[in-house]
Amino acid sequence: MAIGAWGENRSLEEAPYHLFGTEDYLVLESLLDLIPYFMWDAILIDDRNGIAFQFSHNEWLAVASDSNESVNAICQRLELFQLEPHPHEEYEGESPDPAG
């Protein structure tokens, strides 16, 4: 699949990631709207703030950061959308699937 509407005509196999700059804010915002709508798997890394988001087609979102304060602030914002936080658990291997 390619995202030609944003000028990207390569497949995900050819270009499995994209580096967004500040000038790409509106494109990134649009893509972030589509990810949960179509239940795509995606990883968003904000290296400036040390935060990573992992979206799953299984309808969960994982948030990781070196800072507990950052994770708590994000969880508070997500509660505005009536998303239920789950306690962090240490795991190895693939990402946890809350459905079990």
N, C-alpha and C. Protein backbone atom coordinates (compact mmCIF):
# COMPACT_ATOMS: atom_id res chain seq x y z
N MET A 1 0.84 -1.18 0.00
CA MET A 1 0.00 0.00 0.00
C MET A 1 0.88 1.24 0.00
N ALA A 2 0.56 2.20 -0.80
CA ALA A 2 1.28 3.47 -0.84
C ALA A 2 0.33 4.59 -0.42
N ILE A 3 0.89 5.67 0.03
CA ILE A 3 0.08 6.82 0.45
C ILE A 3 0.31 7.93 -0.55
N GLY A 4 -0.21 7.72 -1.74
CA GLY A 4 -0.01 8.65 -2.85
C GLY A 4 -0.61 10.02 -2.62
N ALA A 5 -1.65 10.12 -1.81
CA ALA A 5 -2.27 11.42 -1.56
C ALA A 5 -1.30 12.39 -0.92
N TRP A 6 -0.29 11.87 -0.24
CA TRP A 6 0.71 12.73 0.41
C TRP A 6 2.02 12.75 -0.37
N GLY A 7 1.99 12.27 -1.60
CA GLY A 7 3.19 12.30 -2.43
C GLY A 7 4.13 11.13 -2.22
N GLU A 8 3.73 10.14 -1.45
CA GLU A 8 4.56 8.95 -1.22
C GLU A 8 4.00 7.82 -2.06
N ASN A 9 4.76 7.41 -3.07
CA ASN A 9 4.28 6.37 -3.98
C ASN A 9 4.97 5.03 -3.80
N ARG A 10 5.90 4.95 -2.85
CA ARG A 10 6.56 3.68 -2.58
C ARG A 10 5.68 2.81 -1.70
N SER A 11 5.82 1.51 -1.81
CA SER A 11 5.07 0.58 -0.95
C SER A 11 5.70 0.57 0.44
N LEU A 12 4.97 0.00 1.41
CA LEU A 12 5.52 -0.15 2.76
C LEU A 12 6.74 -1.07 2.76
N GLU A 13 6.76 -2.02 1.84
CA GLU A 13 7.92 -2.90 1.74
C GLU A 13 9.17 -2.11 1.32
N GLU A 14 8.99 -1.18 0.39
CA GLU A 14 10.11 -0.37 -0.07
C GLU A 14 10.51 0.72 0.94
N ALA A 15 9.55 1.26 1.64
CA ALA A 15 9.79 2.36 2.59
C ALA A 15 9.00 2.09 3.87
N PRO A 16 9.52 1.25 4.78
CA PRO A 16 8.75 0.85 5.96
C PRO A 16 8.62 1.93 7.04
N TYR A 17 9.31 3.04 6.88
CA TYR A 17 9.18 4.13 7.85
C TYR A 17 9.30 5.47 7.14
N HIS A 18 8.88 6.52 7.85
CA HIS A 18 8.98 7.87 7.30
C HIS A 18 9.40 8.81 8.42
N LEU A 19 10.33 9.68 8.14
CA LEU A 19 10.77 10.68 9.10
C LEU A 19 10.02 11.97 8.81
N PHE A 20 9.17 12.39 9.75
CA PHE A 20 8.38 13.61 9.59
C PHE A 20 9.14 14.79 10.17
N GLY A 21 9.18 15.88 9.45
CA GLY A 21 9.75 17.12 9.95
C GLY A 21 8.65 18.02 10.45
N THR A 22 9.01 19.15 11.02
CA THR A 22 8.00 20.07 11.53
C THR A 22 7.10 20.59 10.43
N GLU A 23 7.60 20.66 9.21
CA GLU A 23 6.78 21.11 8.08
C GLU A 23 5.74 20.08 7.66
N ASP A 24 5.85 18.85 8.17
CA ASP A 24 4.93 17.77 7.84
C ASP A 24 3.82 17.60 8.89
N TYR A 25 3.64 18.58 9.74
CA TYR A 25 2.70 18.46 10.85
C TYR A 25 1.30 18.05 10.39
N LEU A 26 0.76 18.70 9.39
CA LEU A 26 -0.60 18.40 8.94
C LEU A 26 -0.71 17.01 8.33
N VAL A 27 0.33 16.58 7.63
CA VAL A 27 0.33 15.23 7.06
C VAL A 27 0.36 14.20 8.19
N LEU A 28 1.20 14.42 9.18
CA LEU A 28 1.28 13.50 10.31
C LEU A 28 -0.05 13.47 11.07
N GLU A 29 -0.66 14.62 11.28
CA GLU A 29 -1.95 14.67 11.96
C GLU A 29 -3.00 13.88 11.20
N SER A 30 -3.03 14.02 9.88
CA SER A 30 -3.99 13.27 9.07
C SER A 30 -3.75 11.77 9.15
N LEU A 31 -2.48 11.39 9.10
CA LEU A 31 -2.14 9.97 9.18
C LEU A 31 -2.52 9.39 10.54
N LEU A 32 -2.31 10.18 11.60
CA LEU A 32 -2.67 9.72 12.94
C LEU A 32 -4.18 9.58 13.10
N ASP A 33 -4.95 10.31 12.32
CA ASP A 33 -6.40 10.11 12.31
C ASP A 33 -6.77 8.80 11.64
N LEU A 34 -6.05 8.43 10.60
CA LEU A 34 -6.37 7.23 9.83
C LEU A 34 -5.94 5.94 10.51
N ILE A 35 -4.87 5.98 11.28
CA ILE A 35 -4.32 4.76 11.89
C ILE A 35 -5.36 4.03 12.74
N PRO A 36 -6.00 4.68 13.72
CA PRO A 36 -7.01 3.93 14.49
C PRO A 36 -8.29 3.67 13.70
N TYR A 37 -8.63 4.56 12.77
CA TYR A 37 -9.86 4.36 11.99
C TYR A 37 -9.79 3.08 11.18
N PHE A 38 -8.65 2.84 10.52
CA PHE A 38 -8.49 1.64 9.71
C PHE A 38 -7.83 0.49 10.47
N MET A 39 -7.56 0.73 11.76
CA MET A 39 -6.94 -0.28 12.63
C MET A 39 -5.62 -0.79 12.05
N TRP A 40 -4.76 0.15 11.67
CA TRP A 40 -3.43 -0.17 11.16
C TRP A 40 -2.47 -0.33 12.33
N ASP A 41 -1.45 -1.14 12.15
CA ASP A 41 -0.34 -1.20 13.09
C ASP A 41 0.60 -0.06 12.74
N ALA A 42 1.09 0.63 13.74
CA ALA A 42 2.02 1.73 13.50
C ALA A 42 2.81 2.03 14.76
N ILE A 43 3.99 2.57 14.57
CA ILE A 43 4.83 3.02 15.68
C ILE A 43 5.20 4.46 15.40
N LEU A 44 4.99 5.32 16.38
CA LEU A 44 5.36 6.73 16.29
C LEU A 44 6.39 7.00 17.38
N ILE A 45 7.54 7.51 16.98
CA ILE A 45 8.61 7.81 17.93
C ILE A 45 8.86 9.31 17.92
N ASP A 46 8.74 9.91 19.08
CA ASP A 46 9.05 11.33 19.26
C ASP A 46 10.40 11.39 19.96
N ASP A 47 11.47 11.45 19.17
CA ASP A 47 12.80 11.41 19.77
C ASP A 47 13.13 12.68 20.54
N ARG A 48 12.50 13.78 20.20
CA ARG A 48 12.76 15.04 20.90
C ARG A 48 12.30 14.96 22.35
N ASN A 49 11.17 14.29 22.59
CA ASN A 49 10.63 14.18 23.94
C ASN A 49 10.81 12.80 24.56
N GLY A 50 11.44 11.89 23.84
CA GLY A 50 11.71 10.56 24.38
C GLY A 50 10.47 9.72 24.63
N ILE A 51 9.51 9.80 23.71
CA ILE A 51 8.25 9.06 23.87
C ILE A 51 8.00 8.22 22.62
N ALA A 52 7.47 7.02 22.81
CA ALA A 52 7.11 6.16 21.69
C ALA A 52 5.68 5.68 21.88
N PHE A 53 4.93 5.64 20.77
CA PHE A 53 3.56 5.16 20.75
C PHE A 53 3.49 3.98 19.78
N GLN A 54 2.86 2.90 20.21
CA GLN A 54 2.65 1.76 19.32
C GLN A 54 1.15 1.52 19.20
N PHE A 55 0.65 1.66 17.99
CA PHE A 55 -0.77 1.43 17.70
C PHE A 55 -0.92 0.01 17.18
N SER A 56 -1.95 -0.70 17.63
CA SER A 56 -2.18 -2.07 17.19
C SER A 56 -3.52 -2.22 16.50
N HIS A 57 -3.56 -3.12 15.52
CA HIS A 57 -4.82 -3.45 14.87
C HIS A 57 -5.76 -4.17 15.85
N ASN A 58 -5.23 -4.60 16.99
CA ASN A 58 -6.04 -5.26 18.03
C ASN A 58 -6.66 -4.25 18.99
N GLU A 59 -6.67 -2.98 18.57
CA GLU A 59 -7.34 -1.91 19.30
C GLU A 59 -6.69 -1.58 20.64
N TRP A 60 -5.37 -1.56 20.70
CA TRP A 60 -4.67 -1.07 21.87
C TRP A 60 -3.56 -0.13 21.45
N LEU A 61 -3.19 0.71 22.38
CA LEU A 61 -2.13 1.69 22.18
C LEU A 61 -1.16 1.57 23.34
N ALA A 62 0.10 1.36 23.04
CA ALA A 62 1.13 1.31 24.08
C ALA A 62 1.91 2.62 24.05
N VAL A 63 2.23 3.13 25.23
CA VAL A 63 3.01 4.36 25.36
C VAL A 63 4.24 4.03 26.18
N ALA A 64 5.40 4.43 25.69
CA ALA A 64 6.64 4.18 26.41
C ALA A 64 7.46 5.46 26.48
N SER A 65 8.13 5.64 27.61
CA SER A 65 8.97 6.82 27.79
C SER A 65 9.97 6.53 28.89
N ASP A 66 11.06 7.28 28.87
CA ASP A 66 12.01 7.19 29.97
C ASP A 66 11.48 7.91 31.21
N SER A 67 10.43 8.70 31.02
CA SER A 67 9.89 9.53 32.09
C SER A 67 8.48 9.06 32.47
N ASN A 68 8.31 8.64 33.73
CA ASN A 68 6.98 8.27 34.22
C ASN A 68 6.05 9.48 34.18
N GLU A 69 6.59 10.66 34.39
CA GLU A 69 5.79 11.88 34.34
C GLU A 69 5.17 12.07 32.96
N SER A 70 5.94 11.80 31.90
CA SER A 70 5.42 11.92 30.53
C SER A 70 4.32 10.91 30.28
N VAL A 71 4.52 9.67 30.69
CA VAL A 71 3.51 8.62 30.49
C VAL A 71 2.24 8.97 31.25
N ASN A 72 2.36 9.43 32.49
CA ASN A 72 1.18 9.80 33.28
C ASN A 72 0.42 10.95 32.63
N ALA A 73 1.14 11.94 32.10
CA ALA A 73 0.48 13.07 31.43
C ALA A 73 -0.27 12.61 30.19
N ILE A 74 0.33 11.70 29.43
CA ILE A 74 -0.32 11.17 28.23
C ILE A 74 -1.56 10.36 28.62
N CYS A 75 -1.45 9.54 29.65
CA CYS A 75 -2.60 8.74 30.10
C CYS A 75 -3.75 9.64 30.54
N GLN A 76 -3.44 10.75 31.20
CA GLN A 76 -4.50 11.68 31.60
C GLN A 76 -5.20 12.26 30.38
N ARG A 77 -4.45 12.59 29.34
CA ARG A 77 -5.05 13.12 28.12
C ARG A 77 -5.89 12.05 27.42
N LEU A 78 -5.42 10.81 27.41
CA LEU A 78 -6.17 9.74 26.76
C LEU A 78 -7.49 9.46 27.48
N GLU A 79 -7.54 9.70 28.78
CA GLU A 79 -8.78 9.50 29.53
C GLU A 79 -9.88 10.42 29.04
N LEU A 80 -9.52 11.57 28.45
CA LEU A 80 -10.51 12.48 27.89
C LEU A 80 -11.29 11.82 26.75
N PHE A 81 -10.66 10.81 26.12
CA PHE A 81 -11.29 10.07 25.02
C PHE A 81 -11.90 8.76 25.52
N GLN A 82 -12.02 8.64 26.83
CA GLN A 82 -12.60 7.46 27.48
C GLN A 82 -11.83 6.18 27.15
N LEU A 83 -10.52 6.32 27.00
CA LEU A 83 -9.66 5.15 26.82
C LEU A 83 -9.20 4.68 28.19
N GLU A 84 -9.25 3.39 28.42
CA GLU A 84 -8.92 2.85 29.72
C GLU A 84 -7.46 2.46 29.79
N PRO A 85 -6.70 3.07 30.71
CA PRO A 85 -5.30 2.68 30.85
C PRO A 85 -5.18 1.34 31.57
N HIS A 86 -4.18 0.59 31.21
CA HIS A 86 -3.87 -0.67 31.87
C HIS A 86 -2.51 -0.53 32.52
N PRO A 87 -2.32 -1.13 33.68
CA PRO A 87 -1.03 -1.00 34.36
C PRO A 87 0.10 -1.57 33.52
N HIS A 88 1.25 -0.95 33.64
CA HIS A 88 2.44 -1.40 32.91
C HIS A 88 2.89 -2.74 33.47
N GLU A 89 3.20 -3.64 32.57
CA GLU A 89 3.74 -4.94 32.97
C GLU A 89 5.00 -5.18 32.17
N GLU A 90 6.02 -5.72 32.81
CA GLU A 90 7.24 -6.09 32.10
C GLU A 90 6.95 -7.30 31.23
N TYR A 91 7.48 -7.30 30.03
CA TYR A 91 7.26 -8.43 29.14
C TYR A 91 8.47 -8.59 28.24
N GLU A 92 8.56 -9.76 27.65
CA GLU A 92 9.62 -10.03 26.70
C GLU A 92 8.98 -10.46 25.40
N GLY A 93 9.67 -10.18 24.31
CA GLY A 93 9.15 -10.60 23.01
C GLY A 93 8.17 -9.62 22.44
N GLU A 94 7.13 -10.14 21.81
CA GLU A 94 6.16 -9.30 21.13
C GLU A 94 5.35 -8.47 22.13
N SER A 95 4.74 -7.41 21.62
CA SER A 95 3.94 -6.53 22.46
C SER A 95 2.77 -7.28 23.07
N PRO A 96 2.38 -6.90 24.29
CA PRO A 96 1.26 -7.58 24.94
C PRO A 96 -0.04 -7.31 24.22
N ASP A 97 -0.89 -8.28 24.22
CA ASP A 97 -2.22 -8.14 23.62
C ASP A 97 -3.23 -8.22 24.76
N PRO A 98 -3.89 -7.10 25.12
CA PRO A 98 -4.82 -7.11 26.24
C PRO A 98 -5.95 -8.12 26.07
N ALA A 99 -6.26 -8.52 24.83
CA ALA A 99 -7.33 -9.49 24.61
C ALA A 99 -6.91 -10.89 25.05
N GLY A 100 -5.59 -11.04 25.26
CA GLY A 100 -5.12 -12.28 25.82
C GLY A 100 -4.65 -13.29 24.88
